[in-house]
């Protein structure tokens, strides 16, 4: 049995491209990251932590997939916004700039990270406010979803589009079947 240790509807939809039959058991872990973990390794660290939590709690005979996605700019990670002001600050920081989206994946205890570079158009305050008003940024790393209205902010990407959505499906498929 394949188990996705994530409640993300985006990841569930993308995993359907690889596997028709899987179950979802969200990993309820503390998502704190120790200070000795390199910032850009945080998503992989959390992916391993999520997968191991499910794997070690009754699913040692299953294929458990844990994932975590982070948005990185200027050496720091932008998580999910706490509120509208936080979302505005993140989107303003990303405006007109390139940043990295890194998704860490873990299959049982084997892990990898996938990096995609994303560049935003220069955004006006009105564009940022209008996007925040949609509510879309509030549950997404970096305060945007490339698969929705956030796509209107993106000038270009270098790398795997699906990685930015939250699951690098081609790489995950290779790792699962490889």
N, C-alpha and C. Protein backbone atom coordinates (compact mmCIF):
# COMPACT_ATOMS: atom_id res chain seq x y z
N UNK A 1 0.85 -1.18 0.00
CA UNK A 1 0.00 0.00 0.00
C UNK A 1 0.89 1.24 0.00
N UNK A 2 0.49 2.24 -0.78
CA UNK A 2 1.17 3.54 -0.78
C UNK A 2 0.40 4.48 0.13
N UNK A 3 1.15 5.17 1.00
CA UNK A 3 0.55 6.13 1.93
C UNK A 3 1.18 7.49 1.69
N UNK A 4 0.35 8.52 1.50
CA UNK A 4 0.82 9.89 1.42
C UNK A 4 0.65 10.52 2.79
N UNK A 5 1.76 10.94 3.38
CA UNK A 5 1.74 11.53 4.73
C UNK A 5 1.53 13.03 4.62
N UNK A 6 0.48 13.43 3.90
CA UNK A 6 0.20 14.85 3.68
C UNK A 6 -1.29 15.04 3.45
N UNK A 7 -1.84 16.11 4.02
CA UNK A 7 -3.25 16.44 3.81
C UNK A 7 -3.44 17.35 2.60
N UNK A 8 -2.35 17.75 1.93
CA UNK A 8 -2.43 18.70 0.82
C UNK A 8 -3.25 18.14 -0.34
N UNK A 9 -4.35 18.81 -0.70
CA UNK A 9 -5.13 18.35 -1.85
C UNK A 9 -4.33 18.44 -3.15
N UNK A 10 -3.40 19.39 -3.24
CA UNK A 10 -2.57 19.51 -4.44
C UNK A 10 -1.66 18.29 -4.58
N UNK A 11 -1.04 17.86 -3.50
CA UNK A 11 -0.17 16.68 -3.54
C UNK A 11 -0.98 15.42 -3.85
N UNK A 12 -2.16 15.32 -3.28
CA UNK A 12 -3.01 14.15 -3.55
C UNK A 12 -3.35 14.07 -5.03
N UNK A 13 -3.70 15.19 -5.63
CA UNK A 13 -4.04 15.21 -7.04
C UNK A 13 -2.83 14.84 -7.91
N UNK A 14 -1.66 15.35 -7.55
CA UNK A 14 -0.46 15.04 -8.31
C UNK A 14 -0.03 13.59 -8.14
N UNK A 15 -0.19 13.03 -6.94
CA UNK A 15 0.19 11.63 -6.73
C UNK A 15 -0.67 10.70 -7.58
N UNK A 16 -1.90 11.11 -7.89
CA UNK A 16 -2.77 10.30 -8.75
C UNK A 16 -2.18 10.11 -10.14
N UNK A 17 -1.25 11.00 -10.54
CA UNK A 17 -0.57 10.83 -11.83
C UNK A 17 0.39 9.63 -11.80
N UNK A 18 0.82 9.26 -10.61
CA UNK A 18 1.78 8.17 -10.44
C UNK A 18 1.10 6.89 -9.99
N UNK A 19 0.21 7.00 -9.03
CA UNK A 19 -0.42 5.82 -8.43
C UNK A 19 -1.92 6.02 -8.33
N UNK A 20 -2.67 5.05 -8.81
CA UNK A 20 -4.13 5.14 -8.73
C UNK A 20 -4.62 4.86 -7.31
N UNK A 21 -3.96 3.93 -6.65
CA UNK A 21 -4.40 3.51 -5.34
C UNK A 21 -3.41 3.92 -4.26
N UNK A 22 -3.85 4.80 -3.40
CA UNK A 22 -3.06 5.20 -2.24
C UNK A 22 -4.02 5.73 -1.19
N UNK A 23 -3.54 5.77 0.03
CA UNK A 23 -4.35 6.36 1.09
C UNK A 23 -3.60 7.55 1.67
N UNK A 24 -4.34 8.42 2.32
CA UNK A 24 -3.77 9.62 2.92
C UNK A 24 -3.84 9.49 4.44
N UNK A 25 -2.67 9.61 5.06
CA UNK A 25 -2.59 9.67 6.52
C UNK A 25 -1.70 10.85 6.85
N UNK A 26 -2.29 12.02 7.10
CA UNK A 26 -1.46 13.19 7.40
C UNK A 26 -0.61 12.97 8.64
N UNK A 27 0.62 13.38 8.55
CA UNK A 27 1.55 13.26 9.66
C UNK A 27 1.39 14.46 10.58
N UNK A 28 1.04 14.20 11.81
CA UNK A 28 0.82 15.27 12.78
C UNK A 28 2.08 15.40 13.63
N UNK A 29 3.06 16.13 13.10
CA UNK A 29 4.35 16.28 13.78
C UNK A 29 4.61 17.75 14.09
N UNK A 30 5.54 17.98 14.98
CA UNK A 30 6.04 19.33 15.22
C UNK A 30 6.93 19.67 14.03
N UNK A 31 6.64 20.76 13.33
CA UNK A 31 7.41 21.11 12.14
C UNK A 31 8.58 22.03 12.43
N UNK A 32 9.02 22.02 13.66
CA UNK A 32 10.23 22.77 14.01
C UNK A 32 11.46 22.09 13.41
N UNK A 33 12.43 22.91 13.03
CA UNK A 33 13.66 22.40 12.42
C UNK A 33 14.83 22.83 13.30
N UNK A 34 15.70 21.89 13.68
CA UNK A 34 16.86 22.25 14.51
C UNK A 34 17.76 23.28 13.82
N UNK A 35 18.44 24.09 14.61
CA UNK A 35 19.31 25.13 14.07
C UNK A 35 20.48 24.59 13.26
N UNK A 36 20.88 23.35 13.49
CA UNK A 36 22.02 22.79 12.76
C UNK A 36 21.66 22.28 11.37
N UNK A 37 20.39 22.36 10.98
CA UNK A 37 19.96 21.96 9.64
C UNK A 37 20.09 23.16 8.71
N UNK A 38 20.81 22.99 7.60
CA UNK A 38 20.96 24.04 6.60
C UNK A 38 19.57 24.48 6.13
N UNK A 39 19.35 25.78 6.00
CA UNK A 39 18.03 26.33 5.67
C UNK A 39 17.40 25.65 4.46
N UNK A 40 18.15 25.50 3.37
CA UNK A 40 17.58 24.91 2.16
C UNK A 40 17.38 23.40 2.27
N UNK A 41 17.84 22.79 3.35
CA UNK A 41 17.60 21.36 3.60
C UNK A 41 16.38 21.15 4.49
N UNK A 42 15.76 22.24 4.96
CA UNK A 42 14.60 22.14 5.84
C UNK A 42 13.45 21.32 5.24
N UNK A 43 13.07 21.54 3.96
CA UNK A 43 11.98 20.73 3.42
C UNK A 43 12.28 19.22 3.42
N UNK A 44 13.51 18.86 3.08
CA UNK A 44 13.86 17.44 3.08
C UNK A 44 13.85 16.89 4.50
N UNK A 45 14.37 17.65 5.45
CA UNK A 45 14.36 17.24 6.86
C UNK A 45 12.92 16.97 7.31
N UNK A 46 12.01 17.89 6.99
CA UNK A 46 10.61 17.73 7.41
C UNK A 46 9.92 16.59 6.66
N UNK A 47 10.26 16.39 5.39
CA UNK A 47 9.69 15.27 4.63
C UNK A 47 10.07 13.94 5.28
N UNK A 48 11.33 13.82 5.67
CA UNK A 48 11.79 12.59 6.34
C UNK A 48 11.06 12.41 7.67
N UNK A 49 10.95 13.49 8.41
CA UNK A 49 10.29 13.44 9.72
C UNK A 49 8.83 13.00 9.58
N UNK A 50 8.14 13.54 8.58
CA UNK A 50 6.73 13.18 8.34
C UNK A 50 6.60 11.71 7.94
N UNK A 51 7.41 11.27 6.98
CA UNK A 51 7.34 9.89 6.50
C UNK A 51 7.70 8.91 7.62
N UNK A 52 8.76 9.21 8.36
CA UNK A 52 9.18 8.31 9.44
C UNK A 52 8.11 8.19 10.51
N UNK A 53 7.42 9.28 10.80
CA UNK A 53 6.37 9.26 11.82
C UNK A 53 5.29 8.24 11.45
N UNK A 54 4.84 8.26 10.21
CA UNK A 54 3.80 7.32 9.76
C UNK A 54 4.38 5.91 9.64
N UNK A 55 5.57 5.80 9.05
CA UNK A 55 6.24 4.51 8.84
C UNK A 55 6.44 3.77 10.16
N UNK A 56 6.90 4.50 11.17
CA UNK A 56 7.22 3.88 12.46
C UNK A 56 5.99 3.66 13.34
N UNK A 57 4.85 4.17 12.93
CA UNK A 57 3.62 4.01 13.71
C UNK A 57 2.62 3.12 12.98
N UNK A 58 3.06 1.90 12.69
CA UNK A 58 2.16 0.88 12.15
C UNK A 58 2.18 0.68 10.66
N UNK A 59 3.13 1.28 9.95
CA UNK A 59 3.11 1.14 8.49
C UNK A 59 4.46 0.75 7.91
N UNK A 60 5.20 -0.11 8.62
CA UNK A 60 6.53 -0.54 8.18
C UNK A 60 6.48 -1.39 6.91
N UNK A 61 5.34 -1.95 6.58
CA UNK A 61 5.23 -2.77 5.37
C UNK A 61 4.66 -2.00 4.19
N UNK A 62 4.47 -0.71 4.37
CA UNK A 62 3.90 0.13 3.32
C UNK A 62 4.94 1.08 2.74
N UNK A 63 4.62 1.65 1.59
CA UNK A 63 5.45 2.70 0.99
C UNK A 63 4.87 4.02 1.46
N UNK A 64 5.62 4.70 2.32
CA UNK A 64 5.15 5.96 2.91
C UNK A 64 5.90 7.11 2.25
N UNK A 65 5.14 8.09 1.76
CA UNK A 65 5.72 9.26 1.09
C UNK A 65 5.44 10.50 1.94
N UNK A 66 6.52 11.15 2.35
CA UNK A 66 6.41 12.42 3.07
C UNK A 66 6.96 13.53 2.20
N UNK A 67 6.36 14.72 2.26
CA UNK A 67 6.80 15.85 1.43
C UNK A 67 6.69 17.15 2.23
N UNK A 68 7.53 18.09 1.86
CA UNK A 68 7.43 19.44 2.40
C UNK A 68 8.03 20.39 1.37
N UNK A 69 7.39 21.53 1.17
CA UNK A 69 7.83 22.50 0.19
C UNK A 69 8.14 23.83 0.86
N UNK A 70 9.26 24.44 0.45
CA UNK A 70 9.63 25.74 0.98
C UNK A 70 9.98 26.70 -0.14
N UNK A 71 9.75 27.99 0.11
CA UNK A 71 10.11 29.06 -0.81
C UNK A 71 11.28 29.80 -0.16
N UNK A 72 12.36 29.99 -0.94
CA UNK A 72 13.59 30.56 -0.39
C UNK A 72 14.03 31.79 -1.17
N UNK A 73 14.37 32.83 -0.43
CA UNK A 73 14.89 34.05 -1.03
C UNK A 73 15.86 34.70 -0.03
N UNK A 74 16.96 35.18 -0.54
CA UNK A 74 17.97 35.85 0.29
C UNK A 74 18.41 35.00 1.48
N UNK A 75 18.52 33.69 1.26
CA UNK A 75 19.01 32.80 2.30
C UNK A 75 18.02 32.47 3.40
N UNK A 76 16.76 32.88 3.23
CA UNK A 76 15.77 32.54 4.25
C UNK A 76 14.58 31.84 3.62
N UNK A 77 13.87 31.11 4.46
CA UNK A 77 12.70 30.36 3.99
C UNK A 77 11.43 31.14 4.32
N UNK A 78 10.55 31.23 3.33
CA UNK A 78 9.24 31.84 3.54
C UNK A 78 8.23 30.72 3.71
N UNK A 79 7.63 30.65 4.87
CA UNK A 79 6.64 29.62 5.13
C UNK A 79 5.25 30.08 4.73
N UNK A 80 4.25 29.47 5.32
CA UNK A 80 2.88 29.89 5.07
C UNK A 80 2.64 31.17 5.87
N UNK A 81 1.92 32.12 5.28
CA UNK A 81 1.70 33.39 5.99
C UNK A 81 0.81 33.20 7.22
N UNK A 82 1.10 33.98 8.25
CA UNK A 82 0.32 33.93 9.49
C UNK A 82 -0.98 34.72 9.35
N UNK A 83 -0.94 35.74 8.48
CA UNK A 83 -2.10 36.61 8.30
C UNK A 83 -1.92 37.38 6.99
N UNK A 84 -2.86 38.27 6.67
CA UNK A 84 -2.81 39.02 5.41
C UNK A 84 -1.60 39.94 5.33
N UNK A 85 -1.22 40.53 6.46
CA UNK A 85 -0.05 41.42 6.47
C UNK A 85 1.23 40.64 6.16
N UNK A 86 1.31 39.44 6.72
CA UNK A 86 2.47 38.58 6.47
C UNK A 86 2.52 38.18 4.99
N UNK A 87 1.37 37.85 4.41
CA UNK A 87 1.29 37.50 2.99
C UNK A 87 1.75 38.69 2.13
N UNK A 88 1.29 39.88 2.49
CA UNK A 88 1.67 41.09 1.74
C UNK A 88 3.18 41.30 1.80
N UNK A 89 3.78 41.11 2.97
CA UNK A 89 5.22 41.28 3.12
C UNK A 89 5.97 40.28 2.25
N UNK A 90 5.53 39.02 2.23
CA UNK A 90 6.20 38.00 1.42
C UNK A 90 6.08 38.30 -0.07
N UNK A 91 4.87 38.62 -0.52
CA UNK A 91 4.67 38.90 -1.95
C UNK A 91 5.44 40.14 -2.38
N UNK A 92 5.53 41.14 -1.51
CA UNK A 92 6.32 42.33 -1.82
C UNK A 92 7.79 41.96 -1.95
N UNK A 93 8.26 41.08 -1.08
CA UNK A 93 9.66 40.64 -1.12
C UNK A 93 9.96 39.84 -2.40
N UNK A 94 8.99 39.07 -2.88
CA UNK A 94 9.18 38.25 -4.08
C UNK A 94 8.99 39.06 -5.37
N UNK A 95 8.33 40.19 -5.28
CA UNK A 95 8.00 41.01 -6.45
C UNK A 95 9.24 41.35 -7.28
N UNK A 96 9.19 41.00 -8.56
CA UNK A 96 10.26 41.34 -9.50
C UNK A 96 11.54 40.56 -9.31
N UNK A 97 11.51 39.51 -8.52
CA UNK A 97 12.74 38.80 -8.17
C UNK A 97 12.64 37.30 -8.44
N UNK A 98 13.79 36.66 -8.54
CA UNK A 98 13.87 35.21 -8.63
C UNK A 98 13.99 34.64 -7.23
N UNK A 99 13.42 33.46 -7.06
CA UNK A 99 13.55 32.74 -5.80
C UNK A 99 13.55 31.24 -6.10
N UNK A 100 13.87 30.45 -5.10
CA UNK A 100 13.88 28.99 -5.26
C UNK A 100 12.69 28.40 -4.53
N UNK A 101 12.13 27.36 -5.15
CA UNK A 101 11.14 26.53 -4.48
C UNK A 101 11.78 25.15 -4.36
N UNK A 102 11.86 24.66 -3.14
CA UNK A 102 12.49 23.36 -2.89
C UNK A 102 11.47 22.46 -2.22
N UNK A 103 11.25 21.31 -2.83
CA UNK A 103 10.38 20.30 -2.23
C UNK A 103 11.25 19.13 -1.79
N UNK A 104 11.16 18.81 -0.52
CA UNK A 104 11.81 17.61 0.01
C UNK A 104 10.83 16.47 -0.05
N UNK A 105 11.31 15.30 -0.47
CA UNK A 105 10.47 14.10 -0.53
C UNK A 105 11.19 12.97 0.17
N UNK A 106 10.43 12.13 0.83
CA UNK A 106 10.98 10.95 1.47
C UNK A 106 10.06 9.78 1.17
N UNK A 107 10.64 8.70 0.67
CA UNK A 107 9.91 7.45 0.44
C UNK A 107 10.40 6.50 1.52
N UNK A 108 9.56 6.23 2.48
CA UNK A 108 9.92 5.47 3.70
C UNK A 108 11.09 6.16 4.36
N UNK A 109 12.32 5.76 4.07
CA UNK A 109 13.45 6.43 4.70
C UNK A 109 14.47 6.93 3.67
N UNK A 110 14.18 6.83 2.39
CA UNK A 110 15.06 7.36 1.34
C UNK A 110 14.53 8.72 0.90
N UNK A 111 15.39 9.74 0.90
CA UNK A 111 14.90 11.08 0.63
C UNK A 111 15.70 11.79 -0.46
N UNK A 112 15.10 12.86 -1.01
CA UNK A 112 15.75 13.71 -2.01
C UNK A 112 15.08 15.08 -1.98
N UNK A 113 15.77 16.07 -2.57
CA UNK A 113 15.20 17.40 -2.73
C UNK A 113 15.19 17.76 -4.20
N UNK A 114 14.19 18.49 -4.62
CA UNK A 114 14.07 18.97 -6.00
C UNK A 114 13.99 20.49 -5.93
N UNK A 115 14.79 21.19 -6.75
CA UNK A 115 14.84 22.65 -6.74
C UNK A 115 14.30 23.20 -8.06
N UNK A 116 13.46 24.21 -7.97
CA UNK A 116 12.95 24.93 -9.13
C UNK A 116 13.15 26.42 -8.87
N UNK A 117 13.65 27.15 -9.87
CA UNK A 117 13.82 28.59 -9.74
C UNK A 117 12.59 29.28 -10.34
N UNK A 118 12.04 30.22 -9.59
CA UNK A 118 10.85 30.95 -10.01
C UNK A 118 11.16 32.44 -10.00
N UNK A 119 10.72 33.15 -11.04
CA UNK A 119 10.88 34.60 -11.09
C UNK A 119 9.51 35.26 -11.16
N UNK A 120 9.31 36.27 -10.31
CA UNK A 120 8.06 37.03 -10.30
C UNK A 120 8.18 38.27 -11.18
N UNK A 121 7.06 38.69 -11.73
CA UNK A 121 6.98 40.02 -12.33
C UNK A 121 7.09 41.04 -11.21
N UNK A 122 7.45 42.26 -11.54
CA UNK A 122 7.40 43.36 -10.59
C UNK A 122 5.92 43.59 -10.28
N UNK A 123 5.55 43.56 -9.01
CA UNK A 123 4.14 43.67 -8.62
C UNK A 123 3.85 45.02 -7.98
N UNK A 124 2.70 45.59 -8.34
CA UNK A 124 2.27 46.82 -7.69
C UNK A 124 1.60 46.45 -6.36
N UNK A 125 1.48 47.42 -5.49
CA UNK A 125 0.79 47.18 -4.22
C UNK A 125 -0.66 46.76 -4.47
N UNK A 126 -1.28 47.33 -5.50
CA UNK A 126 -2.66 46.98 -5.83
C UNK A 126 -2.77 45.52 -6.28
N UNK A 127 -1.80 45.06 -7.07
CA UNK A 127 -1.81 43.67 -7.52
C UNK A 127 -1.64 42.72 -6.34
N UNK A 128 -0.77 43.07 -5.42
CA UNK A 128 -0.55 42.25 -4.23
C UNK A 128 -1.81 42.21 -3.39
N UNK A 129 -2.41 43.37 -3.13
CA UNK A 129 -3.64 43.44 -2.31
C UNK A 129 -4.77 42.64 -2.97
N UNK A 130 -4.90 42.77 -4.29
CA UNK A 130 -5.94 42.06 -5.02
C UNK A 130 -5.75 40.55 -4.92
N UNK A 131 -4.51 40.09 -5.03
CA UNK A 131 -4.23 38.66 -4.92
C UNK A 131 -4.51 38.16 -3.51
N UNK A 132 -4.10 38.91 -2.50
CA UNK A 132 -4.35 38.51 -1.12
C UNK A 132 -5.85 38.41 -0.85
N UNK A 133 -6.62 39.32 -1.45
CA UNK A 133 -8.07 39.35 -1.26
C UNK A 133 -8.75 38.07 -1.77
N UNK A 134 -8.10 37.33 -2.66
CA UNK A 134 -8.67 36.07 -3.15
C UNK A 134 -8.62 35.00 -2.07
N UNK A 135 -7.77 35.17 -1.06
CA UNK A 135 -7.62 34.17 -0.01
C UNK A 135 -6.66 33.05 -0.38
N UNK A 136 -6.28 32.99 -1.65
CA UNK A 136 -5.43 31.89 -2.13
C UNK A 136 -4.07 31.80 -1.43
N UNK A 137 -3.42 32.91 -1.09
CA UNK A 137 -2.06 32.80 -0.54
C UNK A 137 -1.98 32.25 0.89
N UNK A 138 -3.09 32.18 1.58
CA UNK A 138 -3.03 31.98 3.02
C UNK A 138 -2.57 30.61 3.49
N UNK A 139 -2.62 29.59 2.65
CA UNK A 139 -2.17 28.27 3.09
C UNK A 139 -1.01 27.74 2.26
N UNK A 140 -0.24 28.67 1.68
CA UNK A 140 0.83 28.26 0.78
C UNK A 140 2.17 28.89 1.15
N UNK A 141 3.22 28.08 1.05
CA UNK A 141 4.58 28.58 1.30
C UNK A 141 4.87 29.73 0.35
N UNK A 142 5.43 30.80 0.87
CA UNK A 142 5.76 31.96 0.04
C UNK A 142 4.55 32.81 -0.30
N UNK A 143 3.39 32.44 0.17
CA UNK A 143 2.14 33.18 -0.04
C UNK A 143 1.63 33.16 -1.47
N UNK A 144 1.96 32.12 -2.23
CA UNK A 144 1.36 32.04 -3.57
C UNK A 144 1.21 30.59 -4.01
N UNK A 145 0.23 30.38 -4.90
CA UNK A 145 0.01 29.09 -5.52
C UNK A 145 0.13 29.23 -7.02
N UNK A 146 1.16 28.62 -7.59
CA UNK A 146 1.40 28.75 -9.03
C UNK A 146 0.29 28.09 -9.86
N UNK A 147 -0.44 27.15 -9.27
CA UNK A 147 -1.49 26.45 -10.00
C UNK A 147 -2.81 27.22 -10.03
N UNK A 148 -2.87 28.35 -9.37
CA UNK A 148 -4.09 29.15 -9.35
C UNK A 148 -3.84 30.56 -9.84
N UNK A 149 -4.47 31.52 -9.18
CA UNK A 149 -4.31 32.92 -9.58
C UNK A 149 -2.88 33.41 -9.37
N UNK A 150 -2.12 32.71 -8.53
CA UNK A 150 -0.71 33.04 -8.34
C UNK A 150 0.10 32.90 -9.61
N UNK A 151 -0.40 32.14 -10.56
CA UNK A 151 0.29 31.99 -11.85
C UNK A 151 0.43 33.34 -12.56
N UNK A 152 -0.44 34.29 -12.26
CA UNK A 152 -0.40 35.60 -12.89
C UNK A 152 0.76 36.46 -12.37
N UNK A 153 1.40 36.01 -11.28
CA UNK A 153 2.53 36.73 -10.70
C UNK A 153 3.86 36.26 -11.26
N UNK A 154 3.86 35.08 -11.89
CA UNK A 154 5.09 34.39 -12.28
C UNK A 154 5.53 34.77 -13.69
N UNK A 155 6.73 35.33 -13.77
CA UNK A 155 7.33 35.68 -15.06
C UNK A 155 7.90 34.45 -15.75
N UNK A 156 8.49 33.54 -14.97
CA UNK A 156 9.04 32.33 -15.55
C UNK A 156 9.57 31.39 -14.49
N UNK A 157 9.80 30.14 -14.92
CA UNK A 157 10.39 29.15 -14.02
C UNK A 157 11.48 28.39 -14.77
N UNK A 158 12.44 27.91 -13.99
CA UNK A 158 13.47 27.02 -14.53
C UNK A 158 13.41 25.78 -13.66
N UNK A 159 12.95 24.68 -14.25
CA UNK A 159 12.83 23.44 -13.49
C UNK A 159 11.43 22.87 -13.58
N UNK A 160 11.09 22.05 -12.61
CA UNK A 160 9.86 21.28 -12.58
C UNK A 160 8.69 22.10 -12.04
N UNK A 161 7.72 22.36 -12.90
CA UNK A 161 6.51 23.10 -12.50
C UNK A 161 5.81 22.41 -11.33
N UNK A 162 5.65 21.08 -11.42
CA UNK A 162 4.92 20.36 -10.38
C UNK A 162 5.63 20.43 -9.04
N UNK A 163 6.94 20.63 -9.04
CA UNK A 163 7.67 20.84 -7.79
C UNK A 163 7.18 22.09 -7.08
N UNK A 164 6.89 23.14 -7.86
CA UNK A 164 6.40 24.39 -7.28
C UNK A 164 5.00 24.19 -6.70
N UNK A 165 4.20 23.34 -7.34
CA UNK A 165 2.87 23.03 -6.82
C UNK A 165 2.99 22.24 -5.51
N UNK A 166 4.06 21.43 -5.40
CA UNK A 166 4.28 20.73 -4.14
C UNK A 166 4.65 19.27 -4.22
N UNK A 167 4.78 18.73 -5.45
CA UNK A 167 5.17 17.33 -5.59
C UNK A 167 5.87 17.13 -6.93
N UNK A 168 7.18 16.89 -6.91
CA UNK A 168 7.90 16.68 -8.18
C UNK A 168 7.57 15.29 -8.75
N UNK A 169 6.47 15.19 -9.48
CA UNK A 169 5.92 13.90 -9.87
C UNK A 169 6.86 13.05 -10.72
N UNK A 170 7.54 13.65 -11.69
CA UNK A 170 8.43 12.85 -12.55
C UNK A 170 9.56 12.25 -11.73
N UNK A 171 10.20 13.04 -10.89
CA UNK A 171 11.30 12.54 -10.05
C UNK A 171 10.79 11.51 -9.05
N UNK A 172 9.65 11.78 -8.42
CA UNK A 172 9.08 10.84 -7.47
C UNK A 172 8.75 9.51 -8.16
N UNK A 173 8.21 9.58 -9.35
CA UNK A 173 7.90 8.37 -10.12
C UNK A 173 9.17 7.57 -10.38
N UNK A 174 10.24 8.25 -10.79
CA UNK A 174 11.53 7.56 -11.04
C UNK A 174 12.02 6.89 -9.75
N UNK A 175 11.93 7.60 -8.63
CA UNK A 175 12.41 7.06 -7.36
C UNK A 175 11.56 5.87 -6.92
N UNK A 176 10.25 5.94 -7.13
CA UNK A 176 9.37 4.84 -6.74
C UNK A 176 9.56 3.60 -7.62
N UNK A 177 9.80 3.84 -8.89
CA UNK A 177 9.87 2.73 -9.86
C UNK A 177 11.27 2.42 -10.35
N UNK A 178 12.26 3.12 -9.80
CA UNK A 178 13.57 3.09 -10.35
C UNK A 178 14.52 2.06 -10.01
